[in-house]
Each structure stands twice: as C-alpha cells, then as structure tokens.
N, C-alpha and C. Protein backbone atom coordinates (compact mmCIF):
# COMPACT_ATOMS: atom_id res chain seq x y z
N UNK A 1 -21.77 253.14 299.98
CA UNK A 1 -23.13 252.85 300.39
C UNK A 1 -23.80 254.10 300.97
N UNK A 2 -23.03 254.86 301.75
CA UNK A 2 -23.60 256.08 302.33
C UNK A 2 -23.94 257.08 301.24
N UNK A 3 -23.07 257.21 300.27
CA UNK A 3 -23.30 258.16 299.19
C UNK A 3 -24.55 257.77 298.39
N UNK A 4 -24.69 256.51 298.16
CA UNK A 4 -25.89 256.04 297.44
C UNK A 4 -27.14 256.28 298.28
N UNK A 5 -27.04 256.08 299.58
CA UNK A 5 -28.18 256.29 300.45
C UNK A 5 -28.62 257.75 300.48
N UNK A 6 -27.67 258.69 300.52
CA UNK A 6 -28.06 260.10 300.55
C UNK A 6 -28.58 260.58 299.21
N UNK A 7 -28.32 259.83 298.15
CA UNK A 7 -28.87 260.18 296.84
C UNK A 7 -30.22 259.56 296.59
N UNK A 8 -30.44 258.37 297.10
CA UNK A 8 -31.71 257.66 296.89
C UNK A 8 -32.77 258.06 297.90
N UNK A 9 -32.44 257.88 299.17
CA UNK A 9 -33.40 258.14 300.24
C UNK A 9 -32.70 258.87 301.39
N UNK A 10 -32.57 260.17 301.27
CA UNK A 10 -31.82 260.91 302.29
C UNK A 10 -32.45 260.86 303.67
N UNK A 11 -33.77 260.78 303.75
CA UNK A 11 -34.41 260.71 305.06
C UNK A 11 -34.07 259.41 305.76
N UNK A 12 -33.94 258.32 305.03
CA UNK A 12 -33.55 257.04 305.63
C UNK A 12 -32.09 257.08 306.08
N UNK A 13 -31.25 257.73 305.29
CA UNK A 13 -29.85 257.86 305.67
C UNK A 13 -29.72 258.72 306.93
N UNK A 14 -30.56 259.75 307.03
CA UNK A 14 -30.53 260.62 308.20
C UNK A 14 -30.91 259.86 309.46
N UNK A 15 -31.87 258.97 309.35
CA UNK A 15 -32.31 258.18 310.51
C UNK A 15 -31.18 257.28 311.01
N UNK A 16 -30.36 256.79 310.11
CA UNK A 16 -29.26 255.91 310.53
C UNK A 16 -28.05 256.66 311.07
N UNK A 17 -28.11 258.00 311.05
CA UNK A 17 -27.03 258.79 311.62
C UNK A 17 -26.05 259.37 310.60
N UNK A 18 -26.32 259.19 309.35
CA UNK A 18 -25.45 259.76 308.32
C UNK A 18 -25.77 261.24 308.18
N UNK A 19 -24.75 262.07 308.16
CA UNK A 19 -24.94 263.50 307.96
C UNK A 19 -25.11 263.75 306.45
N UNK A 20 -26.36 263.87 306.04
CA UNK A 20 -26.71 263.89 304.62
C UNK A 20 -26.06 265.06 303.90
N UNK A 21 -26.21 266.27 304.43
CA UNK A 21 -25.66 267.43 303.75
C UNK A 21 -24.13 267.37 303.67
N UNK A 22 -23.49 266.89 304.72
CA UNK A 22 -22.03 266.77 304.71
C UNK A 22 -21.57 265.74 303.68
N UNK A 23 -22.25 264.62 303.59
CA UNK A 23 -21.88 263.58 302.62
C UNK A 23 -22.11 264.06 301.19
N UNK A 24 -23.18 264.78 300.96
CA UNK A 24 -23.44 265.33 299.63
C UNK A 24 -22.38 266.38 299.27
N UNK A 25 -22.00 267.21 300.24
CA UNK A 25 -20.96 268.21 300.00
C UNK A 25 -19.63 267.54 299.67
N UNK A 26 -19.30 266.46 300.38
CA UNK A 26 -18.06 265.72 300.10
C UNK A 26 -18.08 265.17 298.68
N UNK A 27 -19.20 264.62 298.26
CA UNK A 27 -19.30 264.08 296.91
C UNK A 27 -19.13 265.18 295.87
N UNK A 28 -19.73 266.32 296.12
CA UNK A 28 -19.60 267.45 295.20
C UNK A 28 -18.16 267.94 295.12
N UNK A 29 -17.48 268.01 296.26
CA UNK A 29 -16.09 268.44 296.26
C UNK A 29 -15.19 267.46 295.52
N UNK A 30 -15.40 266.16 295.72
CA UNK A 30 -14.60 265.15 295.01
C UNK A 30 -14.84 265.22 293.50
N UNK A 31 -16.10 265.38 293.11
CA UNK A 31 -16.40 265.48 291.67
C UNK A 31 -15.76 266.71 291.07
N UNK A 32 -15.82 267.82 291.77
CA UNK A 32 -15.19 269.04 291.28
C UNK A 32 -13.68 268.91 291.18
N UNK A 33 -13.07 268.28 292.18
CA UNK A 33 -11.62 268.09 292.16
C UNK A 33 -11.19 267.18 291.00
N UNK A 34 -11.92 266.09 290.79
CA UNK A 34 -11.58 265.19 289.70
C UNK A 34 -11.81 265.83 288.33
N UNK A 35 -12.88 266.62 288.21
CA UNK A 35 -13.12 267.33 286.95
C UNK A 35 -12.01 268.35 286.70
N UNK A 36 -11.58 269.03 287.75
CA UNK A 36 -10.48 269.99 287.62
C UNK A 36 -9.18 269.32 287.21
N UNK A 37 -8.91 268.16 287.79
CA UNK A 37 -7.70 267.41 287.40
C UNK A 37 -7.79 266.96 285.95
N UNK A 38 -8.96 266.52 285.54
CA UNK A 38 -9.14 266.11 284.15
C UNK A 38 -8.94 267.28 283.19
N UNK A 39 -9.48 268.44 283.55
CA UNK A 39 -9.30 269.63 282.71
C UNK A 39 -7.86 270.08 282.68
N UNK A 40 -7.18 270.01 283.82
CA UNK A 40 -5.76 270.39 283.87
C UNK A 40 -4.93 269.44 283.02
N UNK A 41 -5.23 268.15 283.09
CA UNK A 41 -4.50 267.19 282.26
C UNK A 41 -4.72 267.47 280.79
N UNK A 42 -5.96 267.77 280.41
CA UNK A 42 -6.26 268.05 279.01
C UNK A 42 -5.50 269.28 278.53
N UNK A 43 -5.51 270.34 279.34
CA UNK A 43 -4.87 271.59 278.92
C UNK A 43 -3.36 271.51 278.96
N UNK A 44 -2.80 270.94 280.01
CA UNK A 44 -1.34 270.95 280.19
C UNK A 44 -0.69 269.70 279.64
N UNK A 45 -1.23 268.56 279.94
CA UNK A 45 -0.57 267.31 279.56
C UNK A 45 -0.82 266.87 278.14
N UNK A 46 -2.05 267.01 277.68
CA UNK A 46 -2.41 266.50 276.36
C UNK A 46 -2.15 267.52 275.26
N UNK A 47 -2.71 268.71 275.40
CA UNK A 47 -2.62 269.72 274.36
C UNK A 47 -1.41 270.62 274.54
N UNK A 48 -1.11 270.99 275.77
CA UNK A 48 0.04 271.84 276.05
C UNK A 48 -0.30 273.30 276.25
N UNK A 49 -1.52 273.70 275.93
CA UNK A 49 -1.96 275.07 276.17
C UNK A 49 -3.48 275.08 276.22
N UNK A 50 -4.00 276.16 276.80
CA UNK A 50 -5.45 276.28 276.90
C UNK A 50 -5.99 276.95 275.65
N UNK A 51 -7.02 276.39 275.08
CA UNK A 51 -7.71 276.95 273.92
C UNK A 51 -9.20 276.97 274.20
N UNK A 52 -9.89 277.89 273.58
CA UNK A 52 -11.34 277.92 273.69
C UNK A 52 -11.92 276.65 273.07
N UNK A 53 -12.96 276.12 273.69
CA UNK A 53 -13.69 274.96 273.17
C UNK A 53 -12.80 273.72 273.01
N UNK A 54 -11.91 273.52 273.97
CA UNK A 54 -11.00 272.37 273.92
C UNK A 54 -11.74 271.04 273.99
N UNK A 55 -12.79 271.01 274.77
CA UNK A 55 -13.50 269.75 274.96
C UNK A 55 -14.47 269.46 273.83
N UNK A 56 -14.78 270.45 273.01
CA UNK A 56 -15.65 270.30 271.84
C UNK A 56 -17.00 269.68 272.20
N UNK A 57 -17.56 270.07 273.35
CA UNK A 57 -18.88 269.59 273.72
C UNK A 57 -18.92 268.18 274.25
N UNK A 58 -17.79 267.62 274.61
CA UNK A 58 -17.78 266.24 275.10
C UNK A 58 -18.35 266.09 276.50
N UNK A 59 -18.56 267.20 277.19
CA UNK A 59 -19.20 267.14 278.49
C UNK A 59 -20.61 266.58 278.40
N UNK A 60 -21.30 266.90 277.32
CA UNK A 60 -22.63 266.35 277.12
C UNK A 60 -22.58 264.84 276.86
N UNK A 61 -21.52 264.40 276.27
CA UNK A 61 -21.37 262.96 276.05
C UNK A 61 -21.17 262.25 277.39
N UNK A 62 -20.48 262.90 278.31
CA UNK A 62 -20.30 262.31 279.65
C UNK A 62 -21.65 262.21 280.37
N UNK A 63 -22.46 263.23 280.26
CA UNK A 63 -23.79 263.17 280.86
C UNK A 63 -24.59 262.04 280.23
N UNK A 64 -24.48 261.88 278.92
CA UNK A 64 -25.16 260.78 278.24
C UNK A 64 -24.63 259.44 278.72
N UNK A 65 -23.33 259.35 279.00
CA UNK A 65 -22.75 258.09 279.49
C UNK A 65 -23.28 257.75 280.88
N UNK A 66 -23.45 258.76 281.72
CA UNK A 66 -23.99 258.51 283.07
C UNK A 66 -25.44 258.04 282.97
N UNK A 67 -26.22 258.67 282.12
CA UNK A 67 -27.62 258.25 281.97
C UNK A 67 -27.67 256.87 281.31
N UNK A 68 -26.83 256.65 280.31
CA UNK A 68 -26.74 255.34 279.66
C UNK A 68 -26.39 254.26 280.68
N UNK A 69 -25.49 254.59 281.60
CA UNK A 69 -25.06 253.64 282.62
C UNK A 69 -26.02 253.47 283.78
N UNK A 70 -27.10 254.22 283.77
CA UNK A 70 -28.09 254.08 284.83
C UNK A 70 -27.55 254.50 286.19
N UNK A 71 -26.65 255.47 286.22
CA UNK A 71 -26.05 255.98 287.44
C UNK A 71 -25.29 254.91 288.20
N UNK A 72 -24.76 253.94 287.49
CA UNK A 72 -23.92 252.88 288.08
C UNK A 72 -22.53 253.00 287.47
N UNK A 73 -21.52 252.80 288.30
CA UNK A 73 -20.14 253.04 287.86
C UNK A 73 -19.72 252.13 286.71
N UNK A 74 -19.93 250.85 286.82
CA UNK A 74 -19.50 249.92 285.79
C UNK A 74 -20.16 250.18 284.44
N UNK A 75 -21.46 250.41 284.47
CA UNK A 75 -22.18 250.67 283.23
C UNK A 75 -21.80 252.02 282.64
N UNK A 76 -21.53 252.99 283.51
CA UNK A 76 -21.11 254.31 283.03
C UNK A 76 -19.75 254.21 282.36
N UNK A 77 -18.84 253.43 282.93
CA UNK A 77 -17.54 253.23 282.30
C UNK A 77 -17.69 252.53 280.95
N UNK A 78 -18.63 251.62 280.87
CA UNK A 78 -18.92 250.97 279.59
C UNK A 78 -19.43 251.98 278.56
N UNK A 79 -20.30 252.88 279.00
CA UNK A 79 -20.78 253.94 278.11
C UNK A 79 -19.65 254.86 277.67
N UNK A 80 -18.76 255.21 278.60
CA UNK A 80 -17.60 256.05 278.24
C UNK A 80 -16.72 255.33 277.23
N UNK A 81 -16.52 254.04 277.41
CA UNK A 81 -15.70 253.28 276.46
C UNK A 81 -16.38 253.23 275.08
N UNK A 82 -17.69 253.06 275.07
CA UNK A 82 -18.42 253.02 273.80
C UNK A 82 -18.31 254.35 273.07
N UNK A 83 -18.54 255.45 273.78
CA UNK A 83 -18.48 256.76 273.14
C UNK A 83 -17.04 257.13 272.79
N UNK A 84 -16.09 256.69 273.60
CA UNK A 84 -14.68 256.92 273.28
C UNK A 84 -14.24 256.14 272.06
N UNK A 85 -14.75 254.95 271.90
CA UNK A 85 -14.46 254.15 270.71
C UNK A 85 -14.99 254.82 269.45
N UNK A 86 -16.18 255.39 269.56
CA UNK A 86 -16.74 256.12 268.41
C UNK A 86 -15.87 257.33 268.06
N UNK A 87 -15.32 257.98 269.08
CA UNK A 87 -14.43 259.12 268.84
C UNK A 87 -13.09 258.66 268.28
N UNK A 88 -12.59 257.52 268.75
CA UNK A 88 -11.31 257.01 268.27
C UNK A 88 -11.40 256.56 266.81
N UNK A 89 -12.57 256.12 266.39
CA UNK A 89 -12.74 255.73 264.99
C UNK A 89 -12.55 256.91 264.05
N UNK A 90 -12.82 258.10 264.56
CA UNK A 90 -12.62 259.31 263.76
C UNK A 90 -11.16 259.44 263.34
N UNK A 91 -10.25 259.03 264.21
CA UNK A 91 -8.82 259.10 263.89
C UNK A 91 -8.30 257.83 263.23
N UNK A 92 -8.88 256.70 263.59
CA UNK A 92 -8.35 255.42 263.12
C UNK A 92 -8.76 255.08 261.69
N UNK A 93 -9.99 255.37 261.31
CA UNK A 93 -10.44 254.98 259.98
C UNK A 93 -9.66 255.65 258.84
N UNK A 94 -9.40 256.95 258.91
CA UNK A 94 -8.57 257.53 257.84
C UNK A 94 -7.15 256.98 257.83
N UNK A 95 -6.62 256.65 258.99
CA UNK A 95 -5.27 256.10 259.07
C UNK A 95 -5.20 254.71 258.44
N UNK A 96 -6.32 253.99 258.47
CA UNK A 96 -6.37 252.66 257.86
C UNK A 96 -6.62 252.72 256.36
N UNK A 97 -6.81 253.91 255.84
CA UNK A 97 -7.00 254.06 254.40
C UNK A 97 -8.45 254.07 253.98
N UNK A 98 -9.36 254.01 254.93
CA UNK A 98 -10.79 254.07 254.60
C UNK A 98 -11.20 255.53 254.42
N UNK A 99 -11.78 255.83 253.32
CA UNK A 99 -12.19 257.21 253.06
C UNK A 99 -13.68 257.36 253.31
N UNK A 100 -13.99 258.11 254.34
CA UNK A 100 -15.37 258.43 254.68
C UNK A 100 -15.50 259.94 254.77
N UNK A 101 -16.71 260.41 254.76
CA UNK A 101 -16.95 261.83 254.92
C UNK A 101 -16.39 262.29 256.28
N UNK A 102 -15.53 263.29 256.27
CA UNK A 102 -14.89 263.73 257.51
C UNK A 102 -15.91 264.32 258.48
N UNK A 103 -16.93 264.98 257.98
CA UNK A 103 -17.97 265.54 258.85
C UNK A 103 -18.73 264.43 259.57
N UNK A 104 -18.95 263.33 258.89
CA UNK A 104 -19.64 262.19 259.51
C UNK A 104 -18.77 261.59 260.61
N UNK A 105 -17.48 261.53 260.40
CA UNK A 105 -16.58 261.00 261.42
C UNK A 105 -16.53 261.91 262.64
N UNK A 106 -16.60 263.22 262.42
CA UNK A 106 -16.57 264.15 263.54
C UNK A 106 -17.83 264.03 264.39
N UNK A 107 -18.96 263.83 263.76
CA UNK A 107 -20.22 263.78 264.47
C UNK A 107 -20.55 262.38 265.01
N UNK A 108 -19.76 261.37 264.67
CA UNK A 108 -20.05 259.99 265.08
C UNK A 108 -20.23 259.80 266.59
N UNK A 109 -19.35 260.34 267.46
CA UNK A 109 -19.58 260.13 268.90
C UNK A 109 -20.89 260.72 269.38
N UNK A 110 -21.27 261.84 268.80
CA UNK A 110 -22.52 262.48 269.21
C UNK A 110 -23.72 261.68 268.72
N UNK A 111 -23.62 261.11 267.54
CA UNK A 111 -24.69 260.26 267.04
C UNK A 111 -24.84 258.99 267.86
N UNK A 112 -23.71 258.40 268.24
CA UNK A 112 -23.76 257.20 269.09
C UNK A 112 -24.37 257.54 270.45
N UNK A 113 -24.00 258.69 271.01
CA UNK A 113 -24.57 259.11 272.29
C UNK A 113 -26.07 259.34 272.16
N UNK A 114 -26.49 259.99 271.10
CA UNK A 114 -27.91 260.24 270.87
C UNK A 114 -28.68 258.94 270.69
N UNK A 115 -28.11 258.03 269.94
CA UNK A 115 -28.75 256.73 269.73
C UNK A 115 -28.86 255.95 271.04
N UNK A 116 -27.80 255.98 271.84
CA UNK A 116 -27.84 255.29 273.14
C UNK A 116 -28.88 255.92 274.06
N UNK A 117 -28.98 257.24 274.03
CA UNK A 117 -29.99 257.90 274.86
C UNK A 117 -31.40 257.53 274.41
N UNK A 118 -31.62 257.46 273.11
CA UNK A 118 -32.94 257.09 272.61
C UNK A 118 -33.31 255.66 272.97
N UNK A 119 -32.34 254.77 272.94
CA UNK A 119 -32.64 253.36 273.17
C UNK A 119 -32.70 252.98 274.65
N UNK A 120 -31.90 253.62 275.48
CA UNK A 120 -31.76 253.14 276.85
C UNK A 120 -32.29 254.07 277.93
N UNK A 121 -32.71 255.27 277.61
CA UNK A 121 -33.16 256.20 278.64
C UNK A 121 -34.45 255.74 279.31
N UNK A 122 -35.35 255.15 278.59
CA UNK A 122 -36.63 254.73 279.17
C UNK A 122 -36.45 253.66 280.23
N UNK A 123 -35.42 252.87 280.14
CA UNK A 123 -35.25 251.74 281.05
C UNK A 123 -34.47 252.10 282.31
N UNK A 124 -33.87 253.28 282.35
CA UNK A 124 -33.04 253.67 283.49
C UNK A 124 -33.80 254.64 284.38
N UNK A 125 -33.43 254.65 285.64
CA UNK A 125 -34.08 255.52 286.61
C UNK A 125 -33.02 256.29 287.36
N UNK A 126 -33.20 257.59 287.44
CA UNK A 126 -32.25 258.41 288.19
C UNK A 126 -32.45 258.22 289.69
N UNK A 127 -31.47 258.63 290.49
CA UNK A 127 -31.62 258.53 291.95
C UNK A 127 -32.85 259.28 292.43
N UNK A 128 -33.48 258.76 293.46
CA UNK A 128 -34.75 259.29 293.93
C UNK A 128 -34.71 260.74 294.38
N UNK A 129 -33.63 261.19 294.96
CA UNK A 129 -33.55 262.55 295.49
C UNK A 129 -32.65 263.44 294.65
N UNK A 130 -32.47 263.09 293.39
CA UNK A 130 -31.60 263.87 292.51
C UNK A 130 -32.14 265.28 292.34
N UNK A 131 -31.34 266.27 292.70
CA UNK A 131 -31.71 267.66 292.53
C UNK A 131 -32.64 268.21 293.59
N UNK A 132 -32.96 267.43 294.60
CA UNK A 132 -33.84 267.91 295.67
C UNK A 132 -33.04 268.17 296.93
N UNK A 133 -33.19 269.33 297.52
CA UNK A 133 -32.47 269.61 298.76
C UNK A 133 -33.02 268.76 299.90
N UNK A 134 -32.16 268.43 300.85
CA UNK A 134 -32.58 267.62 301.99
C UNK A 134 -33.04 268.55 303.12
N UNK A 135 -34.21 268.30 303.61
CA UNK A 135 -34.74 269.03 304.77
C UNK A 135 -35.11 268.01 305.82
N UNK A 136 -34.49 268.15 306.98
CA UNK A 136 -34.75 267.22 308.08
C UNK A 136 -36.18 267.42 308.56
N UNK A 137 -36.88 266.31 308.76
CA UNK A 137 -38.26 266.35 309.24
C UNK A 137 -38.24 266.69 310.73
N UNK A 138 -39.00 267.68 311.11
CA UNK A 138 -38.97 268.15 312.50
C UNK A 138 -39.94 267.39 313.40
N UNK A 139 -40.70 266.44 312.87
CA UNK A 139 -41.67 265.72 313.71
C UNK A 139 -41.04 264.57 314.43
C-alpha cells in the first residue's frame, strides 16, 4: 500500500509519514535485484554461458506486459503468460508437425504484444507520479 501511495500521490503519502524517497529507492533496489537474479538465471542456469543478445528484445515485451496489465500485479502476470504462450508456440507447433513459416513463429510474441498494446493501452492509466521526482512542499 505504501509503495502504491508513493507512486500515485507522493504528497499524500508524505503527509501520512511515509518517507517517499526512501520507499521509492527500496522499490528500485528490489526491482534491480530481481532483474539481476533473472539475468543470472538466464545466463548460468538456462543457457550456461553469456552471449550477446540473449534476451532477444524480450525486455520490451515485459514493458508491454506491465502496460497491458495496467500496472497491477495480477493483470501483468496474465500479460506475461499470454506473451509467454505466444513464444512457447514457436517451439511447440513445429514439434507437433505443423509447418508454418519460421519467421512468423519467431515474430509471434512481438505481434501479440503489439496487438495487446494497440487494443488495451487506451483503457489503462499509469501511476500519477510516474517519472516525476518528489519535492516536499515547504508551505
């Protein structure tokens, strides 16, 4: 609740005694740590070595999933599952014996993300103080 408050209305959170800058810094540190763990797992656990362009631009798909989810955890996880399913079809369809254009299968997750952004971006609203620094009112 505090994290949501410092993202939506930081001045209101400040009035209630929440240290806005400290809470935002904590959120940034947690996000960085989890992203680092995800990258380490991809490089060491999944692939076994570091290669250039390992993620193949999937970071943009994650941003699309967050916007698709309307900055809500459950909906964002649903978006990740949807885009992950589109990526999994790239591997599953040829294994099932269905022959499709391989280039189309590679681009499918990106097309699904683009389609979701076109259909659902107008209805979602980002947090009110997204990207704005907090300055305590001196009055």
